[in-house]
Amino acid sequence: MLETIKKTADFLKSKIGEIPNTAIILGTGLGELVHEIEDKNEIPYPEIPNFPVSTVEGHSGKLIIGTLGGKKVLAMQGRFHYYEGYTMKEVTFPIRVFQALGIEYLFVSNAAGGMNSSFNVGDIMLIEDHINLFPEHPLHGKNFNELGTRFPDMSEAYNKELRLLAMKVADENNIKLQHGVYIGLTGPTFETPAEYNYLRIIGGDAVGMSTVPEVIVANHAKMKVLAFSIITDLGVIGKIVEVSHEEVQEAAKIAQPKMAQIMREIIQKI
């Protein structure tokens, strides 16, 4: 595993030159943020040694190197999901490569279903914590001390300083931010009304099929994490309607400009 990570990191070093300190994972419908990145170089995932290939519509499958907010960044346009058949090691492999490159900050975005009755479609939720309901843990198996401790602390999985900065930036731009707990599930089905109700009862505000594995590995790697959910459908009793992946993508696109503004200004300030 260590040799595989090194091989991929060495390949990217030969392509990137100066290594940025920030990486961004762009989720469903949020790949349009790459248009905000200037002076960019794109590397399709199939050209990167050992990288999985995204199979989901709305996930283009490119690693973008460029500048956002005047700072150099790496951006994943398309991520990997457990429901695609990948192992958790494969899902989180890019995070290990980012670790080998020396990435310090990881920004993550996703589309999610909202269970909080105060949420509306199109809201942006700042993730304050998560509940992991995936059946496989990304740190399951042999631990490599070079990558992190056997039992990593998760008491502040989402960096408090970055969250405060995000709140400040949103306030300065009159962008409403919701706050809450994200629950990670396998998918690929959307939740039933009973499941939405259960997830709300156990403390969730939004639910999705990604993010949690990457955040766990990023914490294992001592990265500082900031994450947002775009609320693309509602799992609130009385507001639950049939939803499609296409509708999720459209809802995410509507919120994308506000997300881009927040991301850009945070990157300027760190």
C-alpha atoms as a PDB file:
ATOM      1  CA  MET A   1       0.000   0.000   0.000  1.00  0.00           C
ATOM      2  CA  LEU A   2       2.720   2.482   0.943  1.00  0.00           C
ATOM      3  CA  GLU A   3       4.576   1.834  -2.306  1.00  0.00           C
ATOM      4  CA  THR A   4       1.388   2.295  -4.328  1.00  0.00           C
ATOM      5  CA  ILE A   5       0.681   5.629  -2.639  1.00  0.00           C
ATOM      6  CA  LYS A   6       4.270   6.763  -3.249  1.00  0.00           C
ATOM      7  CA  LYS A   7       4.139   5.821  -6.919  1.00  0.00           C
ATOM      8  CA  THR A   8       0.988   7.851  -7.484  1.00  0.00           C
ATOM      9  CA  ALA A   9       2.293  10.812  -5.479  1.00  0.00           C
ATOM     10  CA  ASP A  10       5.587  10.805  -7.395  1.00  0.00           C
ATOM     11  CA  PHE A  11       3.681  10.834 -10.689  1.00  0.00           C
ATOM     12  CA  LEU A  12       1.635  13.847  -9.585  1.00  0.00           C
ATOM     13  CA  LYS A  13       4.704  15.666  -8.287  1.00  0.00           C
ATOM     14  CA  SER A  14       6.194  15.381 -11.766  1.00  0.00           C
ATOM     15  CA  LYS A  15       3.056  16.987 -13.219  1.00  0.00           C
ATOM     16  CA  ILE A  16       2.228  19.591 -10.585  1.00  0.00           C
ATOM     17  CA  GLY A  17       5.489  21.313  -9.742  1.00  0.00           C
ATOM     18  CA  GLU A  18       4.878  23.454  -6.661  1.00  0.00           C
ATOM     19  CA  ILE A  19       2.592  21.489  -4.332  1.00  0.00           C
ATOM     20  CA  PRO A  20      -0.388  23.427  -2.913  1.00  0.00           C
ATOM     21  CA  ASN A  21      -1.445  23.072   0.716  1.00  0.00           C
ATOM     22  CA  THR A  22      -5.164  22.750  -0.066  1.00  0.00           C
ATOM     23  CA  ALA A  23      -7.227  20.067  -1.814  1.00  0.00           C
ATOM     24  CA  ILE A  24     -10.941  20.197  -2.664  1.00  0.00           C
ATOM     25  CA  ILE A  25     -13.321  17.306  -3.317  1.00  0.00           C
ATOM     26  CA  LEU A  26     -16.210  18.464  -5.504  1.00  0.00           C
ATOM     27  CA  GLY A  27     -19.392  16.446  -5.090  1.00  0.00           C
ATOM     28  CA  THR A  28     -22.540  15.872  -7.159  1.00  0.00           C
ATOM     29  CA  GLY A  29     -23.458  18.939  -9.193  1.00  0.00           C
ATOM     30  CA  LEU A  30     -20.586  20.937  -7.706  1.00  0.00           C
ATOM     31  CA  GLY A  31     -18.020  20.104 -10.364  1.00  0.00           C
ATOM     32  CA  GLU A  32     -18.858  23.455 -11.965  1.00  0.00           C
ATOM     33  CA  LEU A  33     -16.669  25.078  -9.314  1.00  0.00           C
ATOM     34  CA  VAL A  34     -13.710  24.217 -11.513  1.00  0.00           C
ATOM     35  CA  HIS A  35     -14.730  27.137 -13.731  1.00  0.00           C
ATOM     36  CA  GLU A  36     -13.648  29.357 -10.838  1.00  0.00           C
ATOM     37  CA  ILE A  37     -10.164  27.830 -10.934  1.00  0.00           C
ATOM     38  CA  GLU A  38      -7.695  29.775 -13.081  1.00  0.00           C
ATOM     39  CA  ASP A  39      -4.492  28.726 -14.872  1.00  0.00           C
ATOM     40  CA  LYS A  40      -5.603  25.149 -14.560  1.00  0.00           C
ATOM     41  CA  ASN A  41      -4.079  21.911 -15.703  1.00  0.00           C
ATOM     42  CA  GLU A  42      -6.355  18.872 -15.893  1.00  0.00           C
ATOM     43  CA  ILE A  43      -5.302  15.258 -15.455  1.00  0.00           C
ATOM     44  CA  PRO A  44      -8.004  12.645 -16.221  1.00  0.00           C
ATOM     45  CA  TYR A  45      -8.187   9.946 -13.558  1.00  0.00           C
ATOM     46  CA  PRO A  46      -7.371   7.109 -16.017  1.00  0.00           C
ATOM     47  CA  GLU A  47      -3.967   8.745 -16.613  1.00  0.00           C
ATOM     48  CA  ILE A  48      -3.089   8.730 -12.893  1.00  0.00           C
ATOM     49  CA  PRO A  49      -1.439   5.470 -11.766  1.00  0.00           C
ATOM     50  CA  ASN A  50      -3.586   3.442  -9.333  1.00  0.00           C
ATOM     51  CA  PHE A  51      -6.474   5.958  -9.305  1.00  0.00           C
ATOM     52  CA  PRO A  52      -9.996   4.526  -9.467  1.00  0.00           C
ATOM     53  CA  VAL A  53     -12.334   5.911 -12.146  1.00  0.00           C
ATOM     54  CA  SER A  54     -15.611   7.605 -11.224  1.00  0.00           C
ATOM     55  CA  THR A  55     -18.681   5.972 -12.799  1.00  0.00           C
ATOM     56  CA  VAL A  56     -21.343   8.411 -11.602  1.00  0.00           C
ATOM     57  CA  GLU A  57     -23.086  11.005 -13.761  1.00  0.00           C
ATOM     58  CA  GLY A  58     -22.101  14.468 -12.546  1.00  0.00           C
ATOM     59  CA  HIS A  59     -18.615  13.305 -11.546  1.00  0.00           C
ATOM     60  CA  SER A  60     -16.279  14.096 -14.441  1.00  0.00           C
ATOM     61  CA  GLY A  61     -13.203  12.241 -13.211  1.00  0.00           C
ATOM     62  CA  LYS A  62     -10.384  14.779 -13.421  1.00  0.00           C
ATOM     63  CA  LEU A  63      -7.765  16.099 -11.047  1.00  0.00           C
ATOM     64  CA  ILE A  64      -7.491  19.861 -11.488  1.00  0.00           C
ATOM     65  CA  ILE A  65      -4.411  21.894 -10.576  1.00  0.00           C
ATOM     66  CA  GLY A  66      -4.774  25.668 -10.638  1.00  0.00           C
ATOM     67  CA  THR A  67      -5.436  28.810  -8.602  1.00  0.00           C
ATOM     68  CA  LEU A  68      -8.578  29.689  -6.634  1.00  0.00           C
ATOM     69  CA  GLY A  69      -8.742  32.867  -4.606  1.00  0.00           C
ATOM     70  CA  GLY A  70      -5.174  33.592  -5.664  1.00  0.00           C
ATOM     71  CA  LYS A  71      -3.903  30.367  -4.080  1.00  0.00           C
ATOM     72  CA  LYS A  72      -2.801  27.174  -5.781  1.00  0.00           C
ATOM     73  CA  VAL A  73      -5.157  24.241  -5.161  1.00  0.00           C
ATOM     74  CA  LEU A  74      -5.795  20.638  -6.141  1.00  0.00           C
ATOM     75  CA  ALA A  75      -9.410  19.789  -6.925  1.00  0.00           C
ATOM     76  CA  MET A  76     -11.014  16.416  -7.504  1.00  0.00           C
ATOM     77  CA  GLN A  77     -13.764  16.844 -10.098  1.00  0.00           C
ATOM     78  CA  GLY A  78     -15.531  13.617  -9.259  1.00  0.00           C
ATOM     79  CA  ARG A  79     -15.094  11.328  -6.270  1.00  0.00           C
ATOM     80  CA  PHE A  80     -15.408   7.603  -5.636  1.00  0.00           C
ATOM     81  CA  HIS A  81     -18.253   5.966  -3.761  1.00  0.00           C
ATOM     82  CA  TYR A  82     -18.590   2.745  -1.830  1.00  0.00           C
ATOM     83  CA  TYR A  83     -21.817   1.928  -3.721  1.00  0.00           C
ATOM     84  CA  GLU A  84     -19.859   1.804  -6.990  1.00  0.00           C
ATOM     85  CA  GLY A  85     -18.264  -1.395  -5.726  1.00  0.00           C
ATOM     86  CA  TYR A  86     -14.975   0.066  -4.527  1.00  0.00           C
ATOM     87  CA  THR A  87     -13.468  -0.905  -1.192  1.00  0.00           C
ATOM     88  CA  MET A  88     -13.058   1.820   1.393  1.00  0.00           C
ATOM     89  CA  LYS A  89      -9.302   1.749   0.736  1.00  0.00           C
ATOM     90  CA  GLU A  90     -10.019   2.584  -2.916  1.00  0.00           C
ATOM     91  CA  VAL A  91     -12.603   5.233  -2.036  1.00  0.00           C
ATOM     92  CA  THR A  92     -10.090   7.031   0.179  1.00  0.00           C
ATOM     93  CA  PHE A  93      -6.944   6.372  -1.864  1.00  0.00           C
ATOM     94  CA  PRO A  94      -6.820   9.981  -3.164  1.00  0.00           C
ATOM     95  CA  ILE A  95      -6.674  11.248   0.423  1.00  0.00           C
ATOM     96  CA  ARG A  96      -3.624   9.061   1.048  1.00  0.00           C
ATOM     97  CA  VAL A  97      -2.007  10.508  -2.064  1.00  0.00           C
ATOM     98  CA  PHE A  98      -2.817  14.029  -0.852  1.00  0.00           C
ATOM     99  CA  GLN A  99      -1.177  13.113   2.446  1.00  0.00           C
ATOM    100  CA  ALA A 100       1.959  11.967   0.618  1.00  0.00           C
ATOM    101  CA  LEU A 101       1.963  15.264  -1.294  1.00  0.00           C
ATOM    102  CA  GLY A 102       1.863  17.239   1.963  1.00  0.00           C
ATOM    103  CA  ILE A 103      -1.683  18.599   1.708  1.00  0.00           C
ATOM    104  CA  GLU A 104      -2.680  20.362   4.962  1.00  0.00           C
ATOM    105  CA  TYR A 105      -6.281  21.409   4.283  1.00  0.00           C
ATOM    106  CA  LEU A 106      -9.080  19.318   2.805  1.00  0.00           C
ATOM    107  CA  PHE A 107     -12.324  20.958   1.700  1.00  0.00           C
ATOM    108  CA  VAL A 108     -15.202  18.597   0.915  1.00  0.00           C
ATOM    109  CA  SER A 109     -18.614  19.154  -0.617  1.00  0.00           C
ATOM    110  CA  ASN A 110     -21.555  16.878  -1.239  1.00  0.00           C
ATOM    111  CA  ALA A 111     -25.234  16.733  -2.105  1.00  0.00           C
ATOM    112  CA  ALA A 112     -27.430  15.570   0.752  1.00  0.00           C
ATOM    113  CA  GLY A 113     -30.992  14.974   1.801  1.00  0.00           C
ATOM    114  CA  GLY A 114     -32.129  17.228   4.634  1.00  0.00           C
ATOM    115  CA  MET A 115     -34.007  15.848   7.643  1.00  0.00           C
ATOM    116  CA  ASN A 116     -34.041  19.074   9.669  1.00  0.00           C
ATOM    117  CA  SER A 117     -37.482  20.704   9.349  1.00  0.00           C
ATOM    118  CA  SER A 118     -35.882  24.171   9.108  1.00  0.00           C
ATOM    119  CA  PHE A 119     -33.966  23.209   5.938  1.00  0.00           C
ATOM    120  CA  ASN A 120     -35.043  23.992   2.383  1.00  0.00           C
ATOM    121  CA  VAL A 121     -33.836  22.653  -0.958  1.00  0.00           C
ATOM    122  CA  GLY A 122     -30.840  24.725  -2.052  1.00  0.00           C
ATOM    123  CA  ASP A 123     -29.578  25.451   1.481  1.00  0.00           C
ATOM    124  CA  ILE A 124     -25.890  25.082   2.270  1.00  0.00           C
ATOM    125  CA  MET A 125     -25.171  23.187   5.484  1.00  0.00           C
ATOM    126  CA  LEU A 126     -21.862  23.570   7.267  1.00  0.00           C
ATOM    127  CA  ILE A 127     -21.051  20.095   8.572  1.00  0.00           C
ATOM    128  CA  GLU A 128     -20.210  20.245  12.268  1.00  0.00           C
ATOM    129  CA  ASP A 129     -19.996  16.508  12.931  1.00  0.00           C
ATOM    130  CA  HIS A 130     -20.946  13.194  11.373  1.00  0.00           C
ATOM    131  CA  ILE A 131     -22.363   9.762  12.128  1.00  0.00           C
ATOM    132  CA  ASN A 132     -20.743   6.885  10.265  1.00  0.00           C
ATOM    133  CA  LEU A 133     -23.238   4.198   9.184  1.00  0.00           C
ATOM    134  CA  PHE A 134     -21.136   2.669   6.404  1.00  0.00           C
ATOM    135  CA  PRO A 135     -20.702  -1.102   6.809  1.00  0.00           C
ATOM    136  CA  GLU A 136     -16.929  -0.964   6.203  1.00  0.00           C
ATOM    137  CA  HIS A 137     -14.506   1.366   7.991  1.00  0.00           C
ATOM    138  CA  PRO A 138     -11.751   2.978   5.893  1.00  0.00           C
ATOM    139  CA  LEU A 139      -9.162   2.271   8.625  1.00  0.00           C
ATOM    140  CA  HIS A 140     -10.138  -1.389   8.973  1.00  0.00           C
ATOM    141  CA  GLY A 141      -7.176  -3.733   8.628  1.00  0.00           C
ATOM    142  CA  LYS A 142      -3.448  -3.280   9.120  1.00  0.00           C
ATOM    143  CA  ASN A 143      -2.414   0.156  10.369  1.00  0.00           C
ATOM    144  CA  PHE A 144       0.695   1.777   8.911  1.00  0.00           C
ATOM    145  CA  ASN A 145       2.252   4.067  11.507  1.00  0.00           C
ATOM    146  CA  GLU A 146       3.715   6.140   8.680  1.00  0.00           C
ATOM    147  CA  LEU A 147       0.150   7.128   7.788  1.00  0.00           C
ATOM    148  CA  GLY A 148      -1.250   7.706  11.272  1.00  0.00           C
ATOM    149  CA  THR A 149      -2.017   6.288  14.688  1.00  0.00           C
ATOM    150  CA  ARG A 150      -3.977   3.063  15.155  1.00  0.00           C
ATOM    151  CA  PHE A 151      -6.754   4.835  17.113  1.00  0.00           C
ATOM    152  CA  PRO A 152      -7.193   8.375  15.758  1.00  0.00           C
ATOM    153  CA  ASP A 153      -9.150  10.962  17.718  1.00  0.00           C
ATOM    154  CA  MET A 154     -12.358  12.189  16.057  1.00  0.00           C
ATOM    155  CA  SER A 155     -13.518  14.726  18.675  1.00  0.00           C
ATOM    156  CA  GLU A 156     -13.061  17.556  16.149  1.00  0.00           C
ATOM    157  CA  ALA A 157     -13.333  15.831  12.785  1.00  0.00           C
ATOM    158  CA  TYR A 158     -14.331  19.136  11.193  1.00  0.00           C
ATOM    159  CA  ASN A 159     -11.826  21.838  12.143  1.00  0.00           C
ATOM    160  CA  LYS A 160     -13.327  24.452  14.461  1.00  0.00           C
ATOM    161  CA  GLU A 161     -11.167  27.341  13.196  1.00  0.00           C
ATOM    162  CA  LEU A 162     -12.130  26.637   9.589  1.00  0.00           C
ATOM    163  CA  ARG A 163     -15.798  26.404  10.542  1.00  0.00           C
ATOM    164  CA  LEU A 164     -15.633  29.792  12.290  1.00  0.00           C
ATOM    165  CA  LEU A 165     -13.925  31.256   9.225  1.00  0.00           C
ATOM    166  CA  ALA A 166     -16.636  29.809   6.967  1.00  0.00           C
ATOM    167  CA  MET A 167     -19.321  31.393   9.156  1.00  0.00           C
ATOM    168  CA  LYS A 168     -17.536  34.754   8.990  1.00  0.00           C
ATOM    169  CA  VAL A 169     -17.189  34.607   5.187  1.00  0.00           C
ATOM    170  CA  ALA A 170     -20.827  33.591   4.749  1.00  0.00           C
ATOM    171  CA  ASP A 171     -21.974  36.423   7.024  1.00  0.00           C
ATOM    172  CA  GLU A 172     -19.871  38.984   5.131  1.00  0.00           C
ATOM    173  CA  ASN A 173     -21.494  37.875   1.871  1.00  0.00           C
ATOM    174  CA  ASN A 174     -25.043  37.609   3.237  1.00  0.00           C
ATOM    175  CA  ILE A 175     -25.087  33.875   2.526  1.00  0.00           C
ATOM    176  CA  LYS A 176     -27.283  31.852   4.850  1.00  0.00           C
ATOM    177  CA  LEU A 177     -25.528  28.830   6.322  1.00  0.00           C
ATOM    178  CA  GLN A 178     -27.341  25.990   8.008  1.00  0.00           C
ATOM    179  CA  HIS A 179     -25.453  23.904  10.566  1.00  0.00           C
ATOM    180  CA  GLY A 180     -25.745  20.237  11.349  1.00  0.00           C
ATOM    181  CA  VAL A 181     -24.683  16.633  11.574  1.00  0.00           C
ATOM    182  CA  TYR A 182     -24.145  14.638   8.377  1.00  0.00           C
ATOM    183  CA  ILE A 183     -24.898  10.904   8.282  1.00  0.00           C
ATOM    184  CA  GLY A 184     -23.045   8.706   5.809  1.00  0.00           C
ATOM    185  CA  LEU A 185     -24.888   5.714   4.331  1.00  0.00           C
ATOM    186  CA  THR A 186     -23.974   3.231   1.615  1.00  0.00           C
ATOM    187  CA  GLY A 187     -26.624   4.033  -1.019  1.00  0.00           C
ATOM    188  CA  PRO A 188     -27.283   3.919  -3.903  1.00  0.00           C
ATOM    189  CA  THR A 189     -30.990   4.065  -3.004  1.00  0.00           C
ATOM    190  CA  PHE A 190     -32.394   7.271  -1.597  1.00  0.00           C
ATOM    191  CA  GLU A 191     -33.869   6.823   1.863  1.00  0.00           C
ATOM    192  CA  THR A 192     -37.380   5.644   2.688  1.00  0.00           C
ATOM    193  CA  PRO A 193     -39.587   7.910   4.849  1.00  0.00           C
ATOM    194  CA  ALA A 194     -39.036   5.558   7.800  1.00  0.00           C
ATOM    195  CA  GLU A 195     -35.278   5.698   7.296  1.00  0.00           C
ATOM    196  CA  TYR A 196     -35.325   9.506   7.150  1.00  0.00           C
ATOM    197  CA  ASN A 197     -37.278   9.528  10.405  1.00  0.00           C
ATOM    198  CA  TYR A 198     -34.829   7.107  12.039  1.00  0.00           C
ATOM    199  CA  LEU A 199     -31.829   9.166  10.910  1.00  0.00           C
ATOM    200  CA  ARG A 200     -33.371  12.315  12.350  1.00  0.00           C
ATOM    201  CA  ILE A 201     -34.104  10.574  15.653  1.00  0.00           C
ATOM    202  CA  ILE A 202     -30.463   9.460  16.036  1.00  0.00           C
ATOM    203  CA  GLY A 203     -29.201  13.007  15.550  1.00  0.00           C
ATOM    204  CA  GLY A 204     -28.790  13.614  11.829  1.00  0.00           C
ATOM    205  CA  ASP A 205     -29.613  16.805   9.971  1.00  0.00           C
ATOM    206  CA  ALA A 206     -28.570  15.621   6.499  1.00  0.00           C
ATOM    207  CA  VAL A 207     -27.745  12.305   4.876  1.00  0.00           C
ATOM    208  CA  GLY A 208     -25.606  11.316   1.909  1.00  0.00           C
ATOM    209  CA  MET A 209     -23.497   8.559   0.360  1.00  0.00           C
ATOM    210  CA  SER A 210     -19.993  10.019   0.655  1.00  0.00           C
ATOM    211  CA  THR A 211     -17.723  12.337   2.662  1.00  0.00           C
ATOM    212  CA  VAL A 212     -17.471  10.373   5.915  1.00  0.00           C
ATOM    213  CA  PRO A 213     -14.802   7.920   4.646  1.00  0.00           C
ATOM    214  CA  GLU A 214     -12.642  10.726   3.214  1.00  0.00           C
ATOM    215  CA  VAL A 215     -12.979  12.785   6.385  1.00  0.00           C
ATOM    216  CA  ILE A 216     -11.977   9.851   8.593  1.00  0.00           C
ATOM    217  CA  VAL A 217      -8.829   9.222   6.555  1.00  0.00           C
ATOM    218  CA  ALA A 218      -8.021  12.940   6.405  1.00  0.00           C
ATOM    219  CA  ASN A 219      -8.180  13.085  10.201  1.00  0.00           C
ATOM    220  CA  HIS A 220      -5.986   9.998  10.415  1.00  0.00           C
ATOM    221  CA  ALA A 221      -3.547  11.931   8.222  1.00  0.00           C
ATOM    222  CA  LYS A 222      -3.771  15.030  10.480  1.00  0.00           C
ATOM    223  CA  MET A 223      -5.349  17.234   7.809  1.00  0.00           C
ATOM    224  CA  LYS A 224      -7.645  20.098   8.736  1.00  0.00           C
ATOM    225  CA  VAL A 225     -11.081  19.418   7.267  1.00  0.00           C
ATOM    226  CA  LEU A 226     -13.940  21.705   6.264  1.00  0.00           C
ATOM    227  CA  ALA A 227     -17.083  20.265   4.665  1.00  0.00           C
ATOM    228  CA  PHE A 228     -20.411  21.450   3.302  1.00  0.00           C
ATOM    229  CA  SER A 229     -23.610  19.775   2.168  1.00  0.00           C
ATOM    230  CA  ILE A 230     -25.937  21.193  -0.452  1.00  0.00           C
ATOM    231  CA  ILE A 231     -29.466  20.239   0.596  1.00  0.00           C
ATOM    232  CA  THR A 232     -30.844  18.852  -2.662  1.00  0.00           C
ATOM    233  CA  ASP A 233     -33.959  17.074  -1.398  1.00  0.00           C
ATOM    234  CA  LEU A 234     -35.943  16.845   1.825  1.00  0.00           C
ATOM    235  CA  GLY A 235     -36.545  13.886   4.100  1.00  0.00           C
ATOM    236  CA  VAL A 236     -38.874  15.819   6.385  1.00  0.00           C
ATOM    237  CA  ILE A 237     -42.212  14.181   7.147  1.00  0.00           C
ATOM    238  CA  GLY A 238     -44.846  15.942   5.048  1.00  0.00           C
ATOM    239  CA  LYS A 239     -42.257  17.234   2.576  1.00  0.00           C
ATOM    240  CA  ILE A 240     -40.918  13.934   1.238  1.00  0.00           C
ATOM    241  CA  VAL A 241     -41.416  13.564  -2.516  1.00  0.00           C
ATOM    242  CA  GLU A 242     -40.037  11.239  -5.167  1.00  0.00           C
ATOM    243  CA  VAL A 243     -36.513  12.325  -6.106  1.00  0.00           C
ATOM    244  CA  SER A 244     -34.151  11.503  -8.975  1.00  0.00           C
ATOM    245  CA  HIS A 245     -30.395  11.892  -9.413  1.00  0.00           C
ATOM    246  CA  GLU A 246     -31.042  14.498 -12.118  1.00  0.00           C
ATOM    247  CA  GLU A 247     -33.114  16.605  -9.711  1.00  0.00           C
ATOM    248  CA  VAL A 248     -30.350  16.358  -7.119  1.00  0.00           C
ATOM    249  CA  GLN A 249     -27.837  17.628  -9.683  1.00  0.00           C
ATOM    250  CA  GLU A 250     -30.068  20.554 -10.652  1.00  0.00           C
ATOM    251  CA  ALA A 251     -30.607  21.597  -7.027  1.00  0.00           C
ATOM    252  CA  ALA A 252     -26.866  21.449  -6.389  1.00  0.00           C
ATOM    253  CA  LYS A 253     -26.142  23.645  -9.419  1.00  0.00           C
ATOM    254  CA  ILE A 254     -28.432  26.383  -8.102  1.00  0.00           C
ATOM    255  CA  ALA A 255     -26.439  26.620  -4.854  1.00  0.00           C
ATOM    256  CA  GLN A 256     -23.056  26.326  -6.591  1.00  0.00           C
ATOM    257  CA  PRO A 257     -22.307  30.083  -6.967  1.00  0.00           C
ATOM    258  CA  LYS A 258     -22.726  30.652  -3.229  1.00  0.00           C
ATOM    259  CA  MET A 259     -20.564  27.636  -2.461  1.00  0.00           C
ATOM    260  CA  ALA A 260     -17.905  28.908  -4.879  1.00  0.00           C
ATOM    261  CA  GLN A 261     -17.901  32.316  -3.178  1.00  0.00           C
ATOM    262  CA  ILE A 262     -17.407  30.789   0.268  1.00  0.00           C
ATOM    263  CA  MET A 263     -14.685  28.398  -0.880  1.00  0.00           C
ATOM    264  CA  ARG A 264     -12.780  31.088  -2.763  1.00  0.00           C
ATOM    265  CA  GLU A 265     -12.717  33.549   0.126  1.00  0.00           C
ATOM    266  CA  ILE A 266     -11.748  30.938   2.719  1.00  0.00           C
ATOM    267  CA  ILE A 267      -8.837  29.836   0.555  1.00  0.00           C
ATOM    268  CA  GLN A 268      -7.767  33.492   0.239  1.00  0.00           C
ATOM    269  CA  LYS A 269      -7.683  33.807   4.022  1.00  0.00           C
ATOM    270  CA  ILE A 270      -5.878  30.625   5.081  1.00  0.00           C
END
